[in-house]
Amino acid sequence: MLFRFGENLKPGGQMNVTFWADDVEATARELKSRGVQFVMEPKRFDWGTSAAFQDIDGNTFLLSSK
């Protein structure tokens, strides 16, 4: 079990999981080509690049540079 759903954590919400990628933009393009739905396109920040995507259950995960 990765984590347990409780009062504050519900299916279909923001998960406290971030996936790291060396190249967020290229990884996002690859995932999109495979049908992954992004809810936040890759965005550059001072600290790096981040994007958000959803799984088939509507759970949202982050994709971020290291």
C-alpha atoms as a PDB file:
ATOM      1  CA  MET A   1       0.000   0.000   0.000  1.00  0.00           C
ATOM      2  CA  LEU A   2       1.408   3.366  -1.035  1.00  0.00           C
ATOM      3  CA  PHE A   3      -0.732   5.342   1.424  1.00  0.00           C
ATOM      4  CA  ARG A   4      -4.034   5.102   3.217  1.00  0.00           C
ATOM      5  CA  PHE A   5      -7.090   7.197   2.354  1.00  0.00           C
ATOM      6  CA  GLY A   6      -8.526   8.958   5.387  1.00  0.00           C
ATOM      7  CA  GLU A   7     -10.529  12.039   6.296  1.00  0.00           C
ATOM      8  CA  ASN A   8      -8.370  14.500   4.351  1.00  0.00           C
ATOM      9  CA  LEU A   9      -7.104  12.345   1.478  1.00  0.00           C
ATOM     10  CA  LYS A  10      -9.805  11.294  -0.975  1.00  0.00           C
ATOM     11  CA  PRO A  11      -9.595   9.386  -4.279  1.00  0.00           C
ATOM     12  CA  GLY A  12      -9.583  11.743  -7.235  1.00  0.00           C
ATOM     13  CA  GLY A  13      -7.653  14.493  -5.449  1.00  0.00           C
ATOM     14  CA  GLN A  14      -4.135  15.837  -5.157  1.00  0.00           C
ATOM     15  CA  MET A  15      -1.730  13.053  -4.214  1.00  0.00           C
ATOM     16  CA  ASN A  16       1.372  13.774  -2.187  1.00  0.00           C
ATOM     17  CA  VAL A  17       3.560  12.119  -4.823  1.00  0.00           C
ATOM     18  CA  THR A  18       6.037  13.828  -7.148  1.00  0.00           C
ATOM     19  CA  PHE A  19       7.817  12.084 -10.019  1.00  0.00           C
ATOM     20  CA  TRP A  20      11.240  13.466 -10.930  1.00  0.00           C
ATOM     21  CA  ALA A  21      12.476  13.835 -14.492  1.00  0.00           C
ATOM     22  CA  ASP A  22      15.700  15.231 -15.916  1.00  0.00           C
ATOM     23  CA  ASP A  23      13.681  16.883 -18.716  1.00  0.00           C
ATOM     24  CA  VAL A  24      10.107  17.615 -17.593  1.00  0.00           C
ATOM     25  CA  GLU A  25       9.040  19.074 -20.945  1.00  0.00           C
ATOM     26  CA  ALA A  26      10.234  16.042 -22.947  1.00  0.00           C
ATOM     27  CA  THR A  27       8.745  13.631 -20.410  1.00  0.00           C
ATOM     28  CA  ALA A  28       5.416  15.476 -20.537  1.00  0.00           C
ATOM     29  CA  ARG A  29       5.394  15.268 -24.357  1.00  0.00           C
ATOM     30  CA  GLU A  30       6.072  11.519 -24.184  1.00  0.00           C
ATOM     31  CA  LEU A  31       3.348  10.940 -21.587  1.00  0.00           C
ATOM     32  CA  LYS A  32       0.850  13.029 -23.584  1.00  0.00           C
ATOM     33  CA  SER A  33       1.604  10.959 -26.688  1.00  0.00           C
ATOM     34  CA  ARG A  34       0.556   7.931 -24.622  1.00  0.00           C
ATOM     35  CA  GLY A  35      -2.734   9.544 -23.603  1.00  0.00           C
ATOM     36  CA  VAL A  36      -1.860  10.985 -20.183  1.00  0.00           C
ATOM     37  CA  GLN A  37      -3.973  14.052 -19.351  1.00  0.00           C
ATOM     38  CA  PHE A  38      -2.072  17.051 -17.991  1.00  0.00           C
ATOM     39  CA  VAL A  39      -3.916  19.543 -15.803  1.00  0.00           C
ATOM     40  CA  MET A  40      -0.922  21.903 -15.631  1.00  0.00           C
ATOM     41  CA  GLU A  41       1.431  22.194 -18.570  1.00  0.00           C
ATOM     42  CA  PRO A  42       5.164  22.253 -17.801  1.00  0.00           C
ATOM     43  CA  LYS A  43       6.019  25.588 -16.227  1.00  0.00           C
ATOM     44  CA  ARG A  44       9.460  26.959 -15.448  1.00  0.00           C
ATOM     45  CA  PHE A  45      10.140  28.370 -12.008  1.00  0.00           C
ATOM     46  CA  ASP A  46      13.327  29.763 -10.432  1.00  0.00           C
ATOM     47  CA  TRP A  47      13.996  26.361  -8.846  1.00  0.00           C
ATOM     48  CA  GLY A  48      13.157  24.190 -11.899  1.00  0.00           C
ATOM     49  CA  THR A  49      10.251  22.946 -14.020  1.00  0.00           C
ATOM     50  CA  SER A  50       7.008  21.357 -12.879  1.00  0.00           C
ATOM     51  CA  ALA A  51       3.810  19.970 -14.421  1.00  0.00           C
ATOM     52  CA  ALA A  52       0.741  18.147 -13.099  1.00  0.00           C
ATOM     53  CA  PHE A  53      -1.074  15.163 -14.592  1.00  0.00           C
ATOM     54  CA  GLN A  54      -3.930  12.851 -13.686  1.00  0.00           C
ATOM     55  CA  ASP A  55      -4.261   9.085 -13.615  1.00  0.00           C
ATOM     56  CA  ILE A  56      -7.357   7.243 -14.856  1.00  0.00           C
ATOM     57  CA  ASP A  57      -9.051   7.686 -11.456  1.00  0.00           C
ATOM     58  CA  GLY A  58      -8.600  11.466 -11.519  1.00  0.00           C
ATOM     59  CA  ASN A  59      -5.785  11.542  -8.947  1.00  0.00           C
ATOM     60  CA  THR A  60      -3.350  14.398  -9.620  1.00  0.00           C
ATOM     61  CA  PHE A  61       0.435  13.895  -9.485  1.00  0.00           C
ATOM     62  CA  LEU A  62       3.354  16.239 -10.019  1.00  0.00           C
ATOM     63  CA  LEU A  63       6.176  15.850 -12.506  1.00  0.00           C
ATOM     64  CA  SER A  64       9.155  17.963 -11.500  1.00  0.00           C
ATOM     65  CA  SER A  65      12.807  18.533 -12.231  1.00  0.00           C
ATOM     66  CA  LYS A  66      15.332  17.587  -9.558  1.00  0.00           C
END
